[in-house]
Amino acid sequence: MSFAILWLPDSAAQYAKIRDDALAGQLPEGKGKSNKAQGLFKQVHKCIQQLSDSPRHPGLQTHEYHGMPHLFDENQKVFEAYAQNRTPGAYRVFWCYGPGRNQITIIAITPHP
């Protein structure tokens, strides 16, 4: 089942900043390795794609997050998915189901504290 990805204004801004940082350091096609900003964008973008395809994808290591309330229904859960793993300040994507059927709302994209 595929899910539509919706964005809160803050999460859309966070994603745009990560993307813009990656584009700012971009080298001409085929010239050298990716820099850290480009690598981060690739990982975050892949995480969002996997959430859309299957929120239970094993690579996401999705689990419930208790630090914030659900946006649309206080009886529902907020989840955390790994965009990065085993790196200092690894980025996480916080999300919830809703508001509609087959929709996921991205709440935040932040480095792990």
C-alpha atoms as a PDB file:
ATOM      1  CA  MET A   1       0.000   0.000   0.000  1.00  0.00           C
ATOM      2  CA  SER A   2       1.331   3.420  -0.907  1.00  0.00           C
ATOM      3  CA  PHE A   3       0.845   6.448   1.324  1.00  0.00           C
ATOM      4  CA  ALA A   4       0.547  10.104   0.344  1.00  0.00           C
ATOM      5  CA  ILE A   5       3.097  12.259   2.156  1.00  0.00           C
ATOM      6  CA  LEU A   6       1.833  15.486   3.720  1.00  0.00           C
ATOM      7  CA  TRP A   7       4.058  18.102   5.320  1.00  0.00           C
ATOM      8  CA  LEU A   8       3.664  20.491   8.210  1.00  0.00           C
ATOM      9  CA  PRO A   9       5.119  23.937   7.393  1.00  0.00           C
ATOM     10  CA  ASP A  10       8.099  23.401   9.744  1.00  0.00           C
ATOM     11  CA  SER A  11       8.912  19.948   8.387  1.00  0.00           C
ATOM     12  CA  ALA A  12       8.657  21.193   4.787  1.00  0.00           C
ATOM     13  CA  ALA A  13      11.080  24.002   5.672  1.00  0.00           C
ATOM     14  CA  GLN A  14      13.476  21.527   7.315  1.00  0.00           C
ATOM     15  CA  TYR A  15      13.411  19.300   4.218  1.00  0.00           C
ATOM     16  CA  ALA A  16      13.906  22.303   1.907  1.00  0.00           C
ATOM     17  CA  LYS A  17      16.926  23.480   3.934  1.00  0.00           C
ATOM     18  CA  ILE A  18      18.538  20.033   3.772  1.00  0.00           C
ATOM     19  CA  ARG A  19      17.878  19.934   0.004  1.00  0.00           C
ATOM     20  CA  ASP A  20      19.184  23.477  -0.563  1.00  0.00           C
ATOM     21  CA  ASP A  21      22.359  22.763   1.428  1.00  0.00           C
ATOM     22  CA  ALA A  22      22.954  19.697  -0.748  1.00  0.00           C
ATOM     23  CA  LEU A  23      22.396  21.654  -3.973  1.00  0.00           C
ATOM     24  CA  ALA A  24      24.702  24.473  -2.848  1.00  0.00           C
ATOM     25  CA  GLY A  25      27.664  22.097  -2.564  1.00  0.00           C
ATOM     26  CA  GLN A  26      26.916  20.145  -5.722  1.00  0.00           C
ATOM     27  CA  LEU A  27      29.801  19.444  -8.069  1.00  0.00           C
ATOM     28  CA  PRO A  28      29.413  19.100 -11.840  1.00  0.00           C
ATOM     29  CA  GLU A  29      28.064  15.736 -13.004  1.00  0.00           C
ATOM     30  CA  GLY A  30      30.519  12.908 -12.359  1.00  0.00           C
ATOM     31  CA  LYS A  31      33.096  15.118 -10.646  1.00  0.00           C
ATOM     32  CA  GLY A  32      34.107  13.673  -7.274  1.00  0.00           C
ATOM     33  CA  LYS A  33      32.302  12.260  -4.276  1.00  0.00           C
ATOM     34  CA  SER A  34      29.213  13.608  -2.573  1.00  0.00           C
ATOM     35  CA  ASN A  35      29.790  15.933   0.353  1.00  0.00           C
ATOM     36  CA  LYS A  36      28.121  15.533   3.764  1.00  0.00           C
ATOM     37  CA  ALA A  37      25.142  17.737   2.872  1.00  0.00           C
ATOM     38  CA  GLN A  38      24.468  15.726  -0.282  1.00  0.00           C
ATOM     39  CA  GLY A  39      24.770  12.456   1.625  1.00  0.00           C
ATOM     40  CA  LEU A  40      22.343  13.685   4.277  1.00  0.00           C
ATOM     41  CA  PHE A  41      19.813  14.747   1.646  1.00  0.00           C
ATOM     42  CA  LYS A  42      20.039  11.362  -0.099  1.00  0.00           C
ATOM     43  CA  GLN A  43      19.419   9.582   3.210  1.00  0.00           C
ATOM     44  CA  VAL A  44      16.500  11.798   4.260  1.00  0.00           C
ATOM     45  CA  HIS A  45      14.933  11.615   0.792  1.00  0.00           C
ATOM     46  CA  LYS A  46      15.253   7.811   0.773  1.00  0.00           C
ATOM     47  CA  CYS A  47      13.658   7.646   4.221  1.00  0.00           C
ATOM     48  CA  ILE A  48      10.650   9.677   3.005  1.00  0.00           C
ATOM     49  CA  GLN A  49      10.311   7.447  -0.068  1.00  0.00           C
ATOM     50  CA  GLN A  50      10.404   4.305   2.067  1.00  0.00           C
ATOM     51  CA  LEU A  51       7.784   5.773   4.410  1.00  0.00           C
ATOM     52  CA  SER A  52       5.553   6.376   1.412  1.00  0.00           C
ATOM     53  CA  ASP A  53       6.036   2.815   0.164  1.00  0.00           C
ATOM     54  CA  SER A  54       5.939   0.994   3.490  1.00  0.00           C
ATOM     55  CA  PRO A  55       6.146   2.638   6.931  1.00  0.00           C
ATOM     56  CA  ARG A  56       7.136  -0.760   8.349  1.00  0.00           C
ATOM     57  CA  HIS A  57      10.211  -1.107   6.130  1.00  0.00           C
ATOM     58  CA  PRO A  58      12.896  -2.757   8.306  1.00  0.00           C
ATOM     59  CA  GLY A  59      15.577  -0.214   7.351  1.00  0.00           C
ATOM     60  CA  LEU A  60      13.528   2.622   8.842  1.00  0.00           C
ATOM     61  CA  GLN A  61      13.514   1.010  12.296  1.00  0.00           C
ATOM     62  CA  THR A  62      10.186   2.734  12.866  1.00  0.00           C
ATOM     63  CA  HIS A  63       8.987   2.837  16.457  1.00  0.00           C
ATOM     64  CA  GLU A  64       6.552   4.783  18.591  1.00  0.00           C
ATOM     65  CA  TYR A  65       7.745   8.112  19.947  1.00  0.00           C
ATOM     66  CA  HIS A  66       6.220   9.312  23.218  1.00  0.00           C
ATOM     67  CA  GLY A  67       7.595  12.869  23.283  1.00  0.00           C
ATOM     68  CA  MET A  68       4.835  14.593  21.293  1.00  0.00           C
ATOM     69  CA  PRO A  69       1.077  14.313  20.864  1.00  0.00           C
ATOM     70  CA  HIS A  70      -0.603  13.125  17.676  1.00  0.00           C
ATOM     71  CA  LEU A  71      -1.718  16.034  15.520  1.00  0.00           C
ATOM     72  CA  PHE A  72      -5.156  14.775  14.568  1.00  0.00           C
ATOM     73  CA  ASP A  73      -6.258  12.236  17.200  1.00  0.00           C
ATOM     74  CA  GLU A  74      -4.919  12.129  20.758  1.00  0.00           C
ATOM     75  CA  ASN A  75      -5.582   8.373  20.894  1.00  0.00           C
ATOM     76  CA  GLN A  76      -3.222   7.658  17.987  1.00  0.00           C
ATOM     77  CA  LYS A  77       0.577   7.323  18.003  1.00  0.00           C
ATOM     78  CA  VAL A  78       3.467   9.422  16.695  1.00  0.00           C
ATOM     79  CA  PHE A  79       6.371   7.498  15.165  1.00  0.00           C
ATOM     80  CA  GLU A  80      10.090   7.988  14.680  1.00  0.00           C
ATOM     81  CA  ALA A  81      11.932   6.622  11.636  1.00  0.00           C
ATOM     82  CA  TYR A  82      15.690   6.503  11.128  1.00  0.00           C
ATOM     83  CA  ALA A  83      17.072   8.495   8.199  1.00  0.00           C
ATOM     84  CA  GLN A  84      20.586   7.779   9.502  1.00  0.00           C
ATOM     85  CA  ASN A  85      22.020   5.248  11.895  1.00  0.00           C
ATOM     86  CA  ARG A  86      25.261   4.843  13.816  1.00  0.00           C
ATOM     87  CA  THR A  87      26.441   8.396  13.295  1.00  0.00           C
ATOM     88  CA  PRO A  88      26.678  11.265  15.794  1.00  0.00           C
ATOM     89  CA  GLY A  89      23.571  13.451  15.582  1.00  0.00           C
ATOM     90  CA  ALA A  90      21.845  10.952  13.285  1.00  0.00           C
ATOM     91  CA  TYR A  91      18.755  12.406  11.606  1.00  0.00           C
ATOM     92  CA  ARG A  92      15.283  11.171  12.458  1.00  0.00           C
ATOM     93  CA  VAL A  93      11.930  11.706  10.776  1.00  0.00           C
ATOM     94  CA  PHE A  94       8.926  12.096  13.083  1.00  0.00           C
ATOM     95  CA  TRP A  95       5.562  11.314  11.532  1.00  0.00           C
ATOM     96  CA  CYS A  96       2.007  10.179  12.130  1.00  0.00           C
ATOM     97  CA  TYR A  97      -0.814   8.619  10.165  1.00  0.00           C
ATOM     98  CA  GLY A  98      -3.483  10.997   8.917  1.00  0.00           C
ATOM     99  CA  PRO A  99      -5.397  13.164   8.639  1.00  0.00           C
ATOM    100  CA  GLY A 100      -6.996  10.975   5.983  1.00  0.00           C
ATOM    101  CA  ARG A 101      -6.832   7.366   4.993  1.00  0.00           C
ATOM    102  CA  ASN A 102      -3.542   6.300   3.345  1.00  0.00           C
ATOM    103  CA  GLN A 103      -1.850   9.544   4.368  1.00  0.00           C
ATOM    104  CA  ILE A 104       1.279  10.162   6.415  1.00  0.00           C
ATOM    105  CA  THR A 105       2.089  13.590   7.847  1.00  0.00           C
ATOM    106  CA  ILE A 106       5.740  14.465   8.383  1.00  0.00           C
ATOM    107  CA  ILE A 107       5.986  16.348  11.685  1.00  0.00           C
ATOM    108  CA  ALA A 108       9.737  17.033  11.886  1.00  0.00           C
ATOM    109  CA  ILE A 109      13.133  16.109  10.456  1.00  0.00           C
ATOM    110  CA  THR A 110      15.772  16.610  13.123  1.00  0.00           C
ATOM    111  CA  PRO A 111      19.111  15.323  14.351  1.00  0.00           C
ATOM    112  CA  HIS A 112      18.823  12.872  17.224  1.00  0.00           C
ATOM    113  CA  PRO A 113      19.531  14.574  20.552  1.00  0.00           C
END
